[in-house]
């Protein structure tokens, strides 16, 4: 392999190691632009809602393993695009309102 191809491959790939456990440890993964990663997360959220039905942000976090803040950002974008809808859920006491998200 030429030196140029090696440098190009090194720019496109990174190896995960040190502290990472499980099936990802030591794998070489291709970097993806942020837009593709965002679309992938939104695809996962929509698939979970399609299979599991309406869920809260906390439930989606547990189902997907994503951070609740990250999920909230994607849910708002998907709602703005008309893919999802949210409904307020009654909660006892003076707490912030909870919302259930579902497919529009």
Foldseek 3Di string as FASTA:
>chain_A
DDPVVVVVVVVQWDFDADPDDDPRHGDIDGDDPPVVVLVVVLVLLQVCCVVVPWDWLVVSCVVPVDDSVSVVVSQVVCVVVQQKDWDWDDDPDDDDTTIIIHGD
